[in-house]
Every structure is written in structure tokens, then in C-alpha cells.
C-alpha atoms as a PDB file:
ATOM      1  CA  MET A   1     134.548 -26.478 227.039  1.00  0.00           C
ATOM      2  CA  THR A   2     137.597 -24.666 228.147  1.00  0.00           C
ATOM      3  CA  ASP A   3     138.665 -23.605 231.656  1.00  0.00           C
ATOM      4  CA  THR A   4     137.588 -19.855 230.748  1.00  0.00           C
ATOM      5  CA  ASP A   5     134.076 -21.426 229.787  1.00  0.00           C
ATOM      6  CA  ALA A   6     133.987 -23.084 233.353  1.00  0.00           C
ATOM      7  CA  PRO A   7     131.310 -21.792 235.666  1.00  0.00           C
ATOM      8  CA  PRO A   8     132.415 -18.793 237.540  1.00  0.00           C
ATOM      9  CA  ALA A   9     132.043 -20.359 240.952  1.00  0.00           C
ATOM     10  CA  ALA A  10     134.022 -23.389 239.791  1.00  0.00           C
ATOM     11  CA  SER A  11     137.522 -23.012 240.935  1.00  0.00           C
ATOM     12  CA  ARG A  12     140.343 -25.216 239.533  1.00  0.00           C
ATOM     13  CA  GLY A  13     140.770 -26.801 243.006  1.00  0.00           C
ATOM     14  CA  ARG A  14     136.960 -27.332 243.145  1.00  0.00           C
ATOM     15  CA  GLN A  15     137.172 -28.698 239.204  1.00  0.00           C
ATOM     16  CA  THR A  16     140.014 -31.131 240.480  1.00  0.00           C
ATOM     17  CA  PHE A  17     138.229 -32.099 243.680  1.00  0.00           C
ATOM     18  CA  THR A  18     134.878 -32.879 241.808  1.00  0.00           C
ATOM     19  CA  LEU A  19     136.634 -34.862 239.046  1.00  0.00           C
ATOM     20  CA  LEU A  20     138.324 -36.927 241.932  1.00  0.00           C
ATOM     21  CA  LEU A  21     134.996 -37.416 243.457  1.00  0.00           C
ATOM     22  CA  PHE A  22     133.182 -38.641 240.246  1.00  0.00           C
ATOM     23  CA  LEU A  23     136.004 -41.113 239.703  1.00  0.00           C
ATOM     24  CA  VAL A  24     135.933 -42.429 243.196  1.00  0.00           C
ATOM     25  CA  LEU A  25     132.123 -42.881 242.795  1.00  0.00           C
ATOM     26  CA  ALA A  26     132.373 -44.740 239.584  1.00  0.00           C
ATOM     27  CA  LEU A  27     135.600 -46.775 240.864  1.00  0.00           C
ATOM     28  CA  ALA A  28     133.635 -47.632 243.913  1.00  0.00           C
ATOM     29  CA  ALA A  29     130.829 -49.079 241.979  1.00  0.00           C
ATOM     30  CA  GLY A  30     133.646 -51.579 240.426  1.00  0.00           C
ATOM     31  CA  GLY A  31     134.702 -52.228 244.036  1.00  0.00           C
ATOM     32  CA  VAL A  32     131.552 -52.852 245.356  1.00  0.00           C
ATOM     33  CA  GLY A  33     130.705 -55.281 242.500  1.00  0.00           C
ATOM     34  CA  SER A  34     134.175 -57.078 242.939  1.00  0.00           C
ATOM     35  CA  VAL A  35     133.522 -57.533 246.809  1.00  0.00           C
ATOM     36  CA  ILE A  36     130.001 -59.169 246.402  1.00  0.00           C
ATOM     37  CA  GLN A  37     130.946 -61.217 243.394  1.00  0.00           C
ATOM     38  CA  GLY A  38     133.017 -63.623 245.802  1.00  0.00           C
ATOM     39  CA  SER A  39     136.561 -64.909 244.966  1.00  0.00           C
ATOM     40  CA  ASP A  40     138.072 -66.920 242.238  1.00  0.00           C
ATOM     41  CA  VAL A  41     135.707 -65.242 239.642  1.00  0.00           C
ATOM     42  CA  GLY A  42     138.296 -66.002 236.803  1.00  0.00           C
ATOM     43  CA  GLY A  43     138.256 -69.872 237.828  1.00  0.00           C
ATOM     44  CA  ARG A  44     134.404 -69.659 238.001  1.00  0.00           C
ATOM     45  CA  TYR A  45     134.126 -68.016 234.731  1.00  0.00           C
ATOM     46  CA  LEU A  46     136.268 -70.589 232.980  1.00  0.00           C
ATOM     47  CA  ALA A  47     134.416 -73.398 234.553  1.00  0.00           C
ATOM     48  CA  LEU A  48     131.330 -71.911 232.768  1.00  0.00           C
ATOM     49  CA  GLU A  49     130.045 -73.330 229.626  1.00  0.00           C
ATOM     50  CA  ARG A  50     130.495 -70.291 227.354  1.00  0.00           C
ATOM     51  CA  PRO A  51     129.754 -69.377 223.741  1.00  0.00           C
ATOM     52  CA  PRO A  52     132.721 -69.512 221.334  1.00  0.00           C
ATOM     53  CA  TRP A  53     132.630 -65.697 220.973  1.00  0.00           C
ATOM     54  CA  ALA A  54     133.103 -65.240 224.948  1.00  0.00           C
ATOM     55  CA  PRO A  55     136.225 -63.008 225.763  1.00  0.00           C
ATOM     56  CA  PRO A  56     139.090 -64.539 227.558  1.00  0.00           C
ATOM     57  CA  ALA A  57     138.981 -63.893 231.546  1.00  0.00           C
ATOM     58  CA  PHE A  58     141.997 -61.581 231.593  1.00  0.00           C
ATOM     59  CA  LEU A  59     140.110 -59.174 229.294  1.00  0.00           C
ATOM     60  CA  PHE A  60     137.459 -58.059 232.103  1.00  0.00           C
ATOM     61  CA  GLY A  61     140.486 -56.848 234.217  1.00  0.00           C
ATOM     62  CA  ILE A  62     141.592 -54.456 231.487  1.00  0.00           C
ATOM     63  CA  VAL A  63     138.107 -53.229 230.155  1.00  0.00           C
ATOM     64  CA  TRP A  64     136.465 -52.511 233.466  1.00  0.00           C
ATOM     65  CA  PRO A  65     138.878 -49.974 234.921  1.00  0.00           C
ATOM     66  CA  VAL A  66     138.950 -48.085 231.747  1.00  0.00           C
ATOM     67  CA  LEU A  67     135.148 -48.076 231.595  1.00  0.00           C
ATOM     68  CA  TYR A  68     134.780 -46.845 235.174  1.00  0.00           C
ATOM     69  CA  VAL A  69     137.226 -44.038 234.535  1.00  0.00           C
ATOM     70  CA  LEU A  70     135.271 -43.021 231.343  1.00  0.00           C
ATOM     71  CA  ILE A  71     132.060 -43.207 233.473  1.00  0.00           C
ATOM     72  CA  GLY A  72     133.390 -41.033 236.169  1.00  0.00           C
ATOM     73  CA  VAL A  73     134.899 -38.399 233.613  1.00  0.00           C
ATOM     74  CA  ALA A  74     131.442 -38.459 231.873  1.00  0.00           C
ATOM     75  CA  GLY A  75     129.652 -37.665 235.235  1.00  0.00           C
ATOM     76  CA  TRP A  76     132.151 -34.938 235.867  1.00  0.00           C
ATOM     77  CA  GLN A  77     132.158 -33.379 232.360  1.00  0.00           C
ATOM     78  CA  LEU A  78     128.319 -33.050 232.669  1.00  0.00           C
ATOM     79  CA  TRP A  79     128.599 -31.625 236.009  1.00  0.00           C
ATOM     80  CA  ARG A  80     131.208 -29.107 234.873  1.00  0.00           C
ATOM     81  CA  THR A  81     129.423 -27.996 231.893  1.00  0.00           C
ATOM     82  CA  VAL A  82     126.072 -27.417 233.803  1.00  0.00           C
ATOM     83  CA  GLY A  83     127.965 -25.886 236.818  1.00  0.00           C
ATOM     84  CA  ARG A  84     125.980 -27.599 239.487  1.00  0.00           C
ATOM     85  CA  VAL A  85     124.237 -30.682 240.247  1.00  0.00           C
ATOM     86  CA  ALA A  86     120.958 -28.974 240.608  1.00  0.00           C
ATOM     87  CA  ALA A  87     121.121 -27.990 236.809  1.00  0.00           C
ATOM     88  CA  ALA A  88     120.953 -31.665 235.652  1.00  0.00           C
ATOM     89  CA  PRO A  89     119.358 -33.656 238.510  1.00  0.00           C
ATOM     90  CA  SER A  90     117.686 -36.226 236.266  1.00  0.00           C
ATOM     91  CA  ALA A  91     120.824 -36.829 234.389  1.00  0.00           C
ATOM     92  CA  LEU A  92     123.084 -37.310 237.561  1.00  0.00           C
ATOM     93  CA  THR A  93     120.590 -39.246 239.142  1.00  0.00           C
ATOM     94  CA  LEU A  94     120.380 -41.586 236.135  1.00  0.00           C
ATOM     95  CA  TRP A  95     124.147 -41.678 236.424  1.00  0.00           C
ATOM     96  CA  ALA A  96     124.188 -42.563 240.128  1.00  0.00           C
ATOM     97  CA  VAL A  97     121.382 -45.122 239.747  1.00  0.00           C
ATOM     98  CA  GLN A  98     123.190 -46.995 236.854  1.00  0.00           C
ATOM     99  CA  LEU A  99     126.253 -47.239 238.925  1.00  0.00           C
ATOM    100  CA  VAL A 100     124.375 -48.886 241.770  1.00  0.00           C
ATOM    101  CA  VAL A 101     122.738 -51.367 239.248  1.00  0.00           C
ATOM    102  CA  ASN A 102     126.168 -51.991 237.835  1.00  0.00           C
ATOM    103  CA  ALA A 103     127.591 -52.772 241.267  1.00  0.00           C
ATOM    104  CA  LEU A 104     124.773 -55.280 241.968  1.00  0.00           C
ATOM    105  CA  TRP A 105     124.992 -57.349 238.727  1.00  0.00           C
ATOM    106  CA  PRO A 106     128.392 -59.167 239.642  1.00  0.00           C
ATOM    107  CA  GLY A 107     126.855 -60.411 243.064  1.00  0.00           C
ATOM    108  CA  VAL A 108     123.688 -61.895 241.239  1.00  0.00           C
ATOM    109  CA  PHE A 109     125.789 -63.497 238.397  1.00  0.00           C
ATOM    110  CA  PHE A 110     128.948 -64.492 240.048  1.00  0.00           C
ATOM    111  CA  GLY A 111     128.171 -64.176 243.851  1.00  0.00           C
ATOM    112  CA  ILE A 112     124.970 -66.322 243.765  1.00  0.00           C
ATOM    113  CA  GLU A 113     125.249 -67.698 240.359  1.00  0.00           C
ATOM    114  CA  ALA A 114     121.684 -66.940 239.468  1.00  0.00           C
ATOM    115  CA  PHE A 115     122.250 -66.494 235.739  1.00  0.00           C
ATOM    116  CA  TRP A 116     118.657 -65.696 234.672  1.00  0.00           C
ATOM    117  CA  PRO A 117     118.227 -63.124 237.424  1.00  0.00           C
ATOM    118  CA  ALA A 118     121.337 -61.663 236.391  1.00  0.00           C
ATOM    119  CA  VAL A 119     119.931 -61.335 232.828  1.00  0.00           C
ATOM    120  CA  ALA A 120     116.995 -59.207 234.435  1.00  0.00           C
ATOM    121  CA  VAL A 121     119.497 -57.087 236.378  1.00  0.00           C
ATOM    122  CA  ILE A 122     121.847 -56.498 233.125  1.00  0.00           C
ATOM    123  CA  VAL A 123     118.709 -55.631 230.961  1.00  0.00           C
ATOM    124  CA  ALA A 124     117.797 -53.014 233.620  1.00  0.00           C
ATOM    125  CA  LEU A 125     121.255 -51.668 233.447  1.00  0.00           C
ATOM    126  CA  ASP A 126     121.222 -51.439 229.629  1.00  0.00           C
ATOM    127  CA  MET A 127     117.976 -49.497 229.872  1.00  0.00           C
ATOM    128  CA  LEU A 128     119.600 -47.309 232.562  1.00  0.00           C
ATOM    129  CA  VAL A 129     122.834 -46.493 230.562  1.00  0.00           C
ATOM    130  CA  ILE A 130     120.603 -45.887 227.516  1.00  0.00           C
ATOM    131  CA  ALA A 131     118.582 -43.316 229.329  1.00  0.00           C
ATOM    132  CA  THR A 132     121.741 -41.864 230.882  1.00  0.00           C
ATOM    133  CA  VAL A 133     123.377 -41.328 227.542  1.00  0.00           C
ATOM    134  CA  ALA A 134     120.172 -40.052 225.887  1.00  0.00           C
ATOM    135  CA  THR A 135     119.632 -37.434 228.837  1.00  0.00           C
ATOM    136  CA  PHE A 136     123.480 -36.378 228.893  1.00  0.00           C
ATOM    137  CA  TRP A 137     123.345 -35.916 225.116  1.00  0.00           C
ATOM    138  CA  GLN A 138     120.624 -33.158 225.649  1.00  0.00           C
ATOM    139  CA  ARG A 139     123.122 -31.454 227.858  1.00  0.00           C
ATOM    140  CA  GLU A 140     126.625 -32.236 227.112  1.00  0.00           C
ATOM    141  CA  ARG A 141     127.524 -34.374 224.182  1.00  0.00           C
ATOM    142  CA  VAL A 142     131.091 -34.953 225.106  1.00  0.00           C
ATOM    143  CA  ALA A 143     129.830 -36.463 228.376  1.00  0.00           C
ATOM    144  CA  ALA A 144     127.422 -38.533 226.523  1.00  0.00           C
ATOM    145  CA  ALA A 145     130.075 -39.923 224.065  1.00  0.00           C
ATOM    146  CA  LEU A 146     132.181 -40.926 226.872  1.00  0.00           C
ATOM    147  CA  LEU A 147     129.509 -43.220 227.842  1.00  0.00           C
ATOM    148  CA  LEU A 148     129.240 -45.137 224.532  1.00  0.00           C
ATOM    149  CA  PRO A 149     132.119 -47.578 225.042  1.00  0.00           C
ATOM    150  CA  TYR A 150     130.494 -48.734 228.349  1.00  0.00           C
ATOM    151  CA  LEU A 151     127.089 -49.075 226.546  1.00  0.00           C
ATOM    152  CA  VAL A 152     128.592 -51.041 223.784  1.00  0.00           C
ATOM    153  CA  TRP A 153     130.352 -53.373 226.436  1.00  0.00           C
ATOM    154  CA  ILE A 154     127.172 -53.747 228.497  1.00  0.00           C
ATOM    155  CA  LEU A 155     125.190 -54.770 225.731  1.00  0.00           C
ATOM    156  CA  TYR A 156     127.918 -57.408 224.579  1.00  0.00           C
ATOM    157  CA  ALA A 157     127.847 -58.489 228.245  1.00  0.00           C
ATOM    158  CA  THR A 158     124.108 -58.841 228.024  1.00  0.00           C
ATOM    159  CA  ALA A 159     124.512 -61.156 225.227  1.00  0.00           C
ATOM    160  CA  LEU A 160     126.989 -63.122 226.778  1.00  0.00           C
ATOM    161  CA  ASN A 161     125.064 -63.421 230.002  1.00  0.00           C
ATOM    162  CA  VAL A 162     121.935 -64.742 228.039  1.00  0.00           C
ATOM    163  CA  ALA A 163     124.059 -67.283 226.191  1.00  0.00           C
ATOM    164  CA  ILE A 164     125.907 -68.446 229.596  1.00  0.00           C
ATOM    165  CA  ALA A 165     122.234 -68.820 231.077  1.00  0.00           C
ATOM    166  CA  PHE A 166     121.117 -70.880 228.282  1.00  0.00           C
ATOM    167  CA  LEU A 167     124.256 -72.959 228.388  1.00  0.00           C
ATOM    168  CA  ASN A 168     124.371 -73.646 232.156  1.00  0.00           C
END
């Protein structure tokens, strides 16, 4: 979609403001998750019994910010394509709900160290993201494609969560 294809009511300033809003919302989910997970997460992660295929602790700090930006841009791209929230309420509702569940998982896994309940939360997140991708796909395939790295990462994180729950 080019700027000339943008909905008539959507000025460049409105496009920029809305992109920033979607990015702030996505990054805020990460911020909330970071706060509720508590301190010294890297040290606590390293203290856990982990499977041999577990990533190094530093990788999370690289991957998640990139994923949150992709999530934000995906939401904005869908909004931009349909022109307004009312045109895609189910898709954008799923987008918002998966962010809330995303923000809750670190508090369950790291904050209270409840590994099996964290499995339930992340499986719910998996299902929400799959539904979000499918719903986006029907309306805006670029937006859906932007969510695929996130989906792959959380599926990997789900396997890691299950392995850590078994090992600890």
C-alpha cells in the first residue's frame, strides 16, 4: 500500500501519530512485563535448570524489542489498510488482547516462578497470536507476515517454558 492508497481521511500526520501509538502500545506490553517479572531476571534464568537448546540470557534483550516493534507496525499496518478501527474490530481486539496476555506471562513465570501456570498463560498467548495472524491474514497479509517472527518465537518459548517446568 502506498501513501496514495491511504484512506482519504488519514493525513500523513495522523499516520505518523497512529504508528507511534501502536508502537507505544506494543512496547508498553514489554515494559509492563518487565516490571512485573521482578529484578535480576537474567540471574534467575541462569539459576534454572534449562534444556541444552535454551538460548543464552542476553538473547532475550535483543529479540523482544525487535518483536515488539514488529507487533506495533503490524497493528498499524492493519489499521492503515482498513482506514479505521471500526473496520477491523475483531482483528484489532485480538491484537490488543494478545498484548495483555504477553505482558502477564513474565509475571507468572519470573515474578511468582509458577512454571506450570506460566505454561497455561503462554499456550493461551500462542492461541491468541495464531488467531490474530489468521484474522490479519484475511484483511492485510503484510501485517500478518510481520507477526510471524513473533509467533515462531513464542512457540519456541512455549517449548522452553514446558521444558523448564519439567526440569524445575
